[in-house]
């Protein structure tokens, strides 16, 4: 993860996930926005490829976020 910018309690990060990488189950206190730049991210059973965006609502839970081939995405969320 690389911090790109922060302001007013929000942060933008560039996230690189290696092939086979997984994120632990987590909940979202605030909305979270992501945009896929390279590769493919699997979130909630949906495959998000280059140019796809996703928004996690406040209070939602991610329990199976992973990448089989690796990916790079921009993430915007609350600090």
PDB file of N, CA and C in Angstrom:
ATOM      1  N   UNK A   1       0.843  -1.174   0.000  1.00  0.00           N
ATOM      2  CA  UNK A   1       0.000   0.000   0.000  1.00  0.00           C
ATOM      3  C   UNK A   1       0.887   1.235   0.000  1.00  0.00           C
ATOM      4  N   UNK A   2       0.491   2.211  -0.792  1.00  0.00           N
ATOM      5  CA  UNK A   2       1.208   3.481  -0.835  1.00  0.00           C
ATOM      6  C   UNK A   2       0.200   4.610  -0.677  1.00  0.00           C
ATOM      7  N   UNK A   3       0.408   5.445   0.338  1.00  0.00           N
ATOM      8  CA  UNK A   3      -0.464   6.598   0.514  1.00  0.00           C
ATOM      9  C   UNK A   3      -0.234   7.585  -0.616  1.00  0.00           C
ATOM     10  N   UNK A   4      -1.319   8.049  -1.219  1.00  0.00           N
ATOM     11  CA  UNK A   4      -1.237   9.022  -2.305  1.00  0.00           C
ATOM     12  C   UNK A   4      -1.621  10.409  -1.796  1.00  0.00           C
ATOM     13  N   UNK A   5      -2.714  10.473  -1.008  1.00  0.00           N
ATOM     14  CA  UNK A   5      -3.176  11.764  -0.499  1.00  0.00           C
ATOM     15  C   UNK A   5      -4.093  11.549   0.695  1.00  0.00           C
ATOM     16  N   UNK A   6      -4.140  12.541   1.568  1.00  0.00           N
ATOM     17  CA  UNK A   6      -5.092  12.542   2.676  1.00  0.00           C
ATOM     18  C   UNK A   6      -5.610  13.961   2.856  1.00  0.00           C
ATOM     19  N   UNK A   7      -6.892  14.056   3.220  1.00  0.00           N
ATOM     20  CA  UNK A   7      -7.489  15.357   3.521  1.00  0.00           C
ATOM     21  C   UNK A   7      -8.804  15.153   4.259  1.00  0.00           C
ATOM     22  N   UNK A   8      -9.052  15.991   5.229  1.00  0.00           N
ATOM     23  CA  UNK A   8     -10.320  16.021   5.957  1.00  0.00           C
ATOM     24  C   UNK A   8     -10.775  14.637   6.419  1.00  0.00           C
ATOM     25  N   UNK A   9      -9.842  13.799   6.844  1.00  0.00           N
ATOM     26  CA  UNK A   9     -10.190  12.477   7.358  1.00  0.00           C
ATOM     27  C   UNK A   9     -10.334  11.394   6.309  1.00  0.00           C
ATOM     28  N   UNK A  10     -10.101  11.713   5.045  1.00  0.00           N
ATOM     29  CA  UNK A  10     -10.155  10.734   3.963  1.00  0.00           C
ATOM     30  C   UNK A  10      -8.748  10.457   3.464  1.00  0.00           C
ATOM     31  N   UNK A  11      -8.510   9.241   2.983  1.00  0.00           N
ATOM     32  CA  UNK A  11      -7.211   8.904   2.417  1.00  0.00           C
ATOM     33  C   UNK A  11      -7.376   8.185   1.078  1.00  0.00           C
ATOM     34  N   UNK A  12      -6.389   8.369   0.222  1.00  0.00           N
ATOM     35  CA  UNK A  12      -6.341   7.672  -1.061  1.00  0.00           C
ATOM     36  C   UNK A  12      -5.041   6.870  -1.070  1.00  0.00           C
ATOM     37  N   UNK A  13      -5.154   5.595  -1.431  1.00  0.00           N
ATOM     38  CA  UNK A  13      -3.990   4.723  -1.456  1.00  0.00           C
ATOM     39  C   UNK A  13      -3.932   3.949  -2.755  1.00  0.00           C
ATOM     40  N   UNK A  14      -2.711   3.626  -3.158  1.00  0.00           N
ATOM     41  CA  UNK A  14      -2.475   2.720  -4.264  1.00  0.00           C
ATOM     42  C   UNK A  14      -2.158   1.366  -3.631  1.00  0.00           C
ATOM     43  N   UNK A  15      -2.920   0.339  -3.987  1.00  0.00           N
ATOM     44  CA  UNK A  15      -2.779  -0.978  -3.359  1.00  0.00           C
ATOM     45  C   UNK A  15      -2.376  -2.006  -4.408  1.00  0.00           C
ATOM     46  N   UNK A  16      -1.302  -2.747  -4.128  1.00  0.00           N
ATOM     47  CA  UNK A  16      -0.853  -3.823  -5.016  1.00  0.00           C
ATOM     48  C   UNK A  16      -1.076  -5.146  -4.282  1.00  0.00           C
ATOM     49  N   UNK A  17      -1.753  -6.078  -4.958  1.00  0.00           N
ATOM     50  CA  UNK A  17      -2.026  -7.407  -4.395  1.00  0.00           C
ATOM     51  C   UNK A  17      -1.316  -8.435  -5.272  1.00  0.00           C
ATOM     52  N   UNK A  18      -0.492  -9.252  -4.664  1.00  0.00           N
ATOM     53  CA  UNK A  18       0.209 -10.313  -5.392  1.00  0.00           C
ATOM     54  C   UNK A  18      -0.782 -11.414  -5.784  1.00  0.00           C
ATOM     55  N   UNK A  19      -0.457 -12.194  -6.793  1.00  0.00           N
ATOM     56  CA  UNK A  19      -1.291 -13.331  -7.200  1.00  0.00           C
ATOM     57  C   UNK A  19      -1.511 -14.234  -5.989  1.00  0.00           C
ATOM     58  N   UNK A  20      -2.756 -14.609  -5.757  1.00  0.00           N
ATOM     59  CA  UNK A  20      -3.107 -15.451  -4.620  1.00  0.00           C
ATOM     60  C   UNK A  20      -3.330 -14.686  -3.331  1.00  0.00           C
ATOM     61  N   UNK A  21      -3.176 -13.365  -3.363  1.00  0.00           N
ATOM     62  CA  UNK A  21      -3.346 -12.550  -2.153  1.00  0.00           C
ATOM     63  C   UNK A  21      -4.794 -12.502  -1.700  1.00  0.00           C
ATOM     64  N   UNK A  22      -4.976 -12.436  -0.378  1.00  0.00           N
ATOM     65  CA  UNK A  22      -6.307 -12.370   0.238  1.00  0.00           C
ATOM     66  C   UNK A  22      -6.322 -11.304   1.320  1.00  0.00           C
ATOM     67  N   UNK A  23      -7.486 -10.692   1.509  1.00  0.00           N
ATOM     68  CA  UNK A  23      -7.678  -9.753   2.607  1.00  0.00           C
ATOM     69  C   UNK A  23      -8.481 -10.448   3.698  1.00  0.00           C
ATOM     70  N   UNK A  24      -8.165 -10.200   4.960  1.00  0.00           N
ATOM     71  CA  UNK A  24      -8.957 -10.794   6.038  1.00  0.00           C
ATOM     72  C   UNK A  24     -10.366 -10.202   6.046  1.00  0.00           C
ATOM     73  N   UNK A  25     -11.300 -10.935   6.620  1.00  0.00           N
ATOM     74  CA  UNK A  25     -12.672 -10.427   6.752  1.00  0.00           C
ATOM     75  C   UNK A  25     -12.628  -9.105   7.519  1.00  0.00           C
ATOM     76  N   UNK A  26     -13.428  -8.148   7.065  1.00  0.00           N
ATOM     77  CA  UNK A  26     -13.453  -6.845   7.725  1.00  0.00           C
ATOM     78  C   UNK A  26     -14.777  -6.147   7.458  1.00  0.00           C
ATOM     79  N   UNK A  27     -15.134  -5.231   8.357  1.00  0.00           N
ATOM     80  CA  UNK A  27     -16.350  -4.444   8.176  1.00  0.00           C
ATOM     81  C   UNK A  27     -15.961  -3.005   7.851  1.00  0.00           C
ATOM     82  N   UNK A  28     -16.898  -2.279   7.297  1.00  0.00           N
ATOM     83  CA  UNK A  28     -16.668  -0.898   6.879  1.00  0.00           C
ATOM     84  C   UNK A  28     -17.478   0.043   7.765  1.00  0.00           C
ATOM     85  N   UNK A  29     -16.781   0.846   8.545  1.00  0.00           N
ATOM     86  CA  UNK A  29     -17.450   1.846   9.376  1.00  0.00           C
ATOM     87  C   UNK A  29     -17.939   2.991   8.489  1.00  0.00           C
ATOM     88  N   UNK A  30     -17.141   3.323   7.484  1.00  0.00           N
ATOM     89  CA  UNK A  30     -17.447   4.389   6.522  1.00  0.00           C
ATOM     90  C   UNK A  30     -17.488   3.784   5.117  1.00  0.00           C
ATOM     91  N   UNK A  31     -18.029   4.498   4.141  1.00  0.00           N
ATOM     92  CA  UNK A  31     -17.970   4.000   2.763  1.00  0.00           C
ATOM     93  C   UNK A  31     -16.511   3.834   2.315  1.00  0.00           C
ATOM     94  N   UNK A  32     -16.300   2.903   1.399  1.00  0.00           N
ATOM     95  CA  UNK A  32     -14.977   2.663   0.824  1.00  0.00           C
ATOM     96  C   UNK A  32     -15.134   2.545  -0.684  1.00  0.00           C
ATOM     97  N   UNK A  33     -14.271   3.236  -1.410  1.00  0.00           N
ATOM     98  CA  UNK A  33     -14.342   3.266  -2.861  1.00  0.00           C
ATOM     99  C   UNK A  33     -13.056   2.671  -3.429  1.00  0.00           C
ATOM    100  N   UNK A  34     -13.182   1.852  -4.474  1.00  0.00           N
ATOM    101  CA  UNK A  34     -11.968   1.362  -5.131  1.00  0.00           C
ATOM    102  C   UNK A  34     -12.156   1.326  -6.629  1.00  0.00           C
ATOM    103  N   UNK A  35     -11.010   1.450  -7.334  1.00  0.00           N
ATOM    104  CA  UNK A  35     -10.995   1.461  -8.794  1.00  0.00           C
ATOM    105  C   UNK A  35      -9.813   0.614  -9.243  1.00  0.00           C
ATOM    106  N   UNK A  36     -10.080  -0.414 -10.053  1.00  0.00           N
ATOM    107  CA  UNK A  36      -9.050  -1.359 -10.475  1.00  0.00           C
ATOM    108  C   UNK A  36      -8.265  -0.789 -11.662  1.00  0.00           C
ATOM    109  N   UNK A  37      -6.924  -0.749 -11.495  1.00  0.00           N
ATOM    110  CA  UNK A  37      -6.035  -0.240 -12.541  1.00  0.00           C
ATOM    111  C   UNK A  37      -5.376  -1.358 -13.342  1.00  0.00           C
ATOM    112  N   UNK A  38      -5.046  -2.468 -12.676  1.00  0.00           N
ATOM    113  CA  UNK A  38      -4.378  -3.602 -13.321  1.00  0.00           C
ATOM    114  C   UNK A  38      -4.907  -4.894 -12.728  1.00  0.00           C
ATOM    115  N   UNK A  39      -4.924  -5.956 -13.531  1.00  0.00           N
ATOM    116  CA  UNK A  39      -5.273  -7.287 -13.040  1.00  0.00           C
ATOM    117  C   UNK A  39      -6.741  -7.457 -12.737  1.00  0.00           C
ATOM    118  N   UNK A  40      -7.025  -8.247 -11.678  1.00  0.00           N
ATOM    119  CA  UNK A  40      -8.410  -8.574 -11.342  1.00  0.00           C
ATOM    120  C   UNK A  40      -8.535  -8.798  -9.835  1.00  0.00           C
ATOM    121  N   UNK A  41      -9.583  -8.219  -9.249  1.00  0.00           N
ATOM    122  CA  UNK A  41      -9.894  -8.390  -7.837  1.00  0.00           C
ATOM    123  C   UNK A  41     -11.234  -9.104  -7.740  1.00  0.00           C
ATOM    124  N   UNK A  42     -11.342 -10.072  -6.858  1.00  0.00           N
ATOM    125  CA  UNK A  42     -12.602 -10.787  -6.640  1.00  0.00           C
ATOM    126  C   UNK A  42     -13.159 -10.326  -5.301  1.00  0.00           C
ATOM    127  N   UNK A  43     -14.366  -9.774  -5.350  1.00  0.00           N
ATOM    128  CA  UNK A  43     -14.994  -9.198  -4.163  1.00  0.00           C
ATOM    129  C   UNK A  43     -16.447  -9.635  -4.128  1.00  0.00           C
ATOM    130  N   UNK A  44     -16.821 -10.351  -3.075  1.00  0.00           N
ATOM    131  CA  UNK A  44     -18.202 -10.822  -2.976  1.00  0.00           C
ATOM    132  C   UNK A  44     -18.593 -11.722  -4.133  1.00  0.00           C
ATOM    133  N   UNK A  45     -17.633 -12.488  -4.657  1.00  0.00           N
ATOM    134  CA  UNK A  45     -17.897 -13.394  -5.771  1.00  0.00           C
ATOM    135  C   UNK A  45     -17.895 -12.724  -7.134  1.00  0.00           C
ATOM    136  N   UNK A  46     -17.783 -11.410  -7.173  1.00  0.00           N
ATOM    137  CA  UNK A  46     -17.765 -10.675  -8.442  1.00  0.00           C
ATOM    138  C   UNK A  46     -16.327 -10.387  -8.846  1.00  0.00           C
ATOM    139  N   UNK A  47     -16.012 -10.632 -10.105  1.00  0.00           N
ATOM    140  CA  UNK A  47     -14.680 -10.369 -10.638  1.00  0.00           C
ATOM    141  C   UNK A  47     -14.628  -8.948 -11.179  1.00  0.00           C
ATOM    142  N   UNK A  48     -13.742  -8.138 -10.595  1.00  0.00           N
ATOM    143  CA  UNK A  48     -13.580  -6.748 -11.001  1.00  0.00           C
ATOM    144  C   UNK A  48     -12.279  -6.623 -11.778  1.00  0.00           C
ATOM    145  N   UNK A  49     -12.375  -6.300 -13.058  1.00  0.00           N
ATOM    146  CA  UNK A  49     -11.206  -6.155 -13.907  1.00  0.00           C
ATOM    147  C   UNK A  49     -10.830  -4.698 -14.089  1.00  0.00           C
ATOM    148  N   UNK A  50      -9.873  -4.464 -14.965  1.00  0.00           N
ATOM    149  CA  UNK A  50      -9.385  -3.109 -15.241  1.00  0.00           C
ATOM    150  C   UNK A  50     -10.550  -2.193 -15.606  1.00  0.00           C
ATOM    151  N   UNK A  51     -10.599  -1.042 -14.930  1.00  0.00           N
ATOM    152  CA  UNK A  51     -11.646  -0.066 -15.199  1.00  0.00           C
ATOM    153  C   UNK A  51     -12.901  -0.244 -14.374  1.00  0.00           C
ATOM    154  N   UNK A  52     -12.975  -1.309 -13.597  1.00  0.00           N
ATOM    155  CA  UNK A  52     -14.152  -1.534 -12.745  1.00  0.00           C
ATOM    156  C   UNK A  52     -13.996  -0.774 -11.444  1.00  0.00           C
ATOM    157  N   UNK A  53     -15.125  -0.332 -10.902  1.00  0.00           N
ATOM    158  CA  UNK A  53     -15.149   0.361  -9.618  1.00  0.00           C
ATOM    159  C   UNK A  53     -16.092  -0.367  -8.669  1.00  0.00           C
ATOM    160  N   UNK A  54     -15.857  -0.173  -7.385  1.00  0.00           N
ATOM    161  CA  UNK A  54     -16.686  -0.797  -6.359  1.00  0.00           C
ATOM    162  C   UNK A  54     -16.857   0.180  -5.209  1.00  0.00           C
ATOM    163  N   UNK A  55     -18.035   0.166  -4.589  1.00  0.00           N
ATOM    164  CA  UNK A  55     -18.294   0.979  -3.411  1.00  0.00           C
ATOM    165  C   UNK A  55     -18.833   0.062  -2.326  1.00  0.00           C
ATOM    166  N   UNK A  56     -18.180   0.078  -1.159  1.00  0.00           N
ATOM    167  CA  UNK A  56     -18.677  -0.666  -0.003  1.00  0.00           C
ATOM    168  C   UNK A  56     -19.431   0.319   0.883  1.00  0.00           C
ATOM    169  N   UNK A  57     -20.672   0.001   1.194  1.00  0.00           N
ATOM    170  CA  UNK A  57     -21.481   0.869   2.050  1.00  0.00           C
ATOM    171  C   UNK A  57     -20.984   0.815   3.493  1.00  0.00           C
ATOM    172  N   UNK A  58     -21.188   1.878   4.230  1.00  0.00           N
ATOM    173  CA  UNK A  58     -20.907   1.874   5.666  1.00  0.00           C
ATOM    174  C   UNK A  58     -21.732   0.758   6.302  1.00  0.00           C
ATOM    175  N   UNK A  59     -21.089  -0.046   7.157  1.00  0.00           N
ATOM    176  CA  UNK A  59     -21.778  -1.153   7.821  1.00  0.00           C
ATOM    177  C   UNK A  59     -21.702  -2.467   7.069  1.00  0.00           C
ATOM    178  N   UNK A  60     -21.189  -2.445   5.834  1.00  0.00           N
ATOM    179  CA  UNK A  60     -21.085  -3.693   5.066  1.00  0.00           C
ATOM    180  C   UNK A  60     -19.861  -4.488   5.516  1.00  0.00           C
ATOM    181  N   UNK A  61     -19.854  -5.782   5.184  1.00  0.00           N
ATOM    182  CA  UNK A  61     -18.769  -6.677   5.573  1.00  0.00           C
ATOM    183  C   UNK A  61     -18.197  -7.345   4.327  1.00  0.00           C
ATOM    184  N   UNK A  62     -16.873  -7.352   4.206  1.00  0.00           N
ATOM    185  CA  UNK A  62     -16.173  -8.100   3.161  1.00  0.00           C
ATOM    186  C   UNK A  62     -15.538  -9.309   3.823  1.00  0.00           C
ATOM    187  N   UNK A  63     -15.837 -10.500   3.314  1.00  0.00           N
ATOM    188  CA  UNK A  63     -15.259 -11.690   3.951  1.00  0.00           C
ATOM    189  C   UNK A  63     -14.503 -12.592   2.992  1.00  0.00           C
ATOM    190  N   UNK A  64     -14.437 -12.244   1.718  1.00  0.00           N
ATOM    191  CA  UNK A  64     -13.710 -13.086   0.771  1.00  0.00           C
ATOM    192  C   UNK A  64     -13.176 -12.238  -0.382  1.00  0.00           C
ATOM    193  N   UNK A  65     -12.314 -11.280  -0.062  1.00  0.00           N
ATOM    194  CA  UNK A  65     -11.727 -10.416  -1.084  1.00  0.00           C
ATOM    195  C   UNK A  65     -10.346 -10.968  -1.402  1.00  0.00           C
ATOM    196  N   UNK A  66     -10.114 -11.222  -2.708  1.00  0.00           N
ATOM    197  CA  UNK A  66      -8.859 -11.863  -3.096  1.00  0.00           C
ATOM    198  C   UNK A  66      -8.528 -11.555  -4.554  1.00  0.00           C
ATOM    199  N   UNK A  67      -7.329 -11.955  -4.955  1.00  0.00           N
ATOM    200  CA  UNK A  67      -6.934 -11.834  -6.358  1.00  0.00           C
ATOM    201  C   UNK A  67      -6.175 -13.095  -6.752  1.00  0.00           C
ATOM    202  N   UNK A  68      -6.661 -13.787  -7.746  1.00  0.00           N
ATOM    203  CA  UNK A  68      -5.993 -14.998  -8.223  1.00  0.00           C
ATOM    204  C   UNK A  68      -4.771 -14.660  -9.064  1.00  0.00           C
ATOM    205  N   UNK A  69      -4.853 -13.573  -9.839  1.00  0.00           N
ATOM    206  CA  UNK A  69      -3.767 -13.234 -10.772  1.00  0.00           C
ATOM    207  C   UNK A  69      -2.960 -12.004 -10.352  1.00  0.00           C
ATOM    208  N   UNK A  70      -3.375 -11.359  -9.261  1.00  0.00           N
ATOM    209  CA  UNK A  70      -2.751 -10.127  -8.811  1.00  0.00           C
ATOM    210  C   UNK A  70      -3.486  -8.922  -9.364  1.00  0.00           C
ATOM    211  N   UNK A  71      -3.323  -7.785  -8.701  1.00  0.00           N
ATOM    212  CA  UNK A  71      -3.987  -6.575  -9.178  1.00  0.00           C
ATOM    213  C   UNK A  71      -3.389  -5.343  -8.506  1.00  0.00           C
ATOM    214  N   UNK A  72      -3.739  -4.202  -9.072  1.00  0.00           N
ATOM    215  CA  UNK A  72      -3.413  -2.907  -8.496  1.00  0.00           C
ATOM    216  C   UNK A  72      -4.706  -2.096  -8.533  1.00  0.00           C
ATOM    217  N   UNK A  73      -5.038  -1.472  -7.399  1.00  0.00           N
ATOM    218  CA  UNK A  73      -6.232  -0.629  -7.380  1.00  0.00           C
ATOM    219  C   UNK A  73      -6.010   0.609  -6.529  1.00  0.00           C
ATOM    220  N   UNK A  74      -6.838   1.618  -6.793  1.00  0.00           N
ATOM    221  CA  UNK A  74      -6.868   2.839  -5.991  1.00  0.00           C
ATOM    222  C   UNK A  74      -7.978   2.663  -4.973  1.00  0.00           C
ATOM    223  N   UNK A  75      -7.669   2.962  -3.709  1.00  0.00           N
ATOM    224  CA  UNK A  75      -8.619   2.812  -2.615  1.00  0.00           C
ATOM    225  C   UNK A  75      -8.810   4.177  -1.952  1.00  0.00           C
ATOM    226  N   UNK A  76     -10.068   4.557  -1.716  1.00  0.00           N
ATOM    227  CA  UNK A  76     -10.387   5.794  -1.009  1.00  0.00           C
ATOM    228  C   UNK A  76     -11.282   5.427   0.163  1.00  0.00           C
ATOM    229  N   UNK A  77     -10.832   5.780   1.379  1.00  0.00           N
ATOM    230  CA  UNK A  77     -11.634   5.499   2.567  1.00  0.00           C
ATOM    231  C   UNK A  77     -11.294   6.477   3.684  1.00  0.00           C
ATOM    232  N   UNK A  78     -12.012   6.374   4.798  1.00  0.00           N
ATOM    233  CA  UNK A  78     -11.784   7.243   5.949  1.00  0.00           C
ATOM    234  C   UNK A  78     -10.561   6.772   6.719  1.00  0.00           C
ATOM    235  N   UNK A  79      -9.846   7.723   7.291  1.00  0.00           N
ATOM    236  CA  UNK A  79      -8.673   7.413   8.107  1.00  0.00           C
ATOM    237  C   UNK A  79      -9.142   6.975   9.483  1.00  0.00           C
TER     238      UNK A  79
END
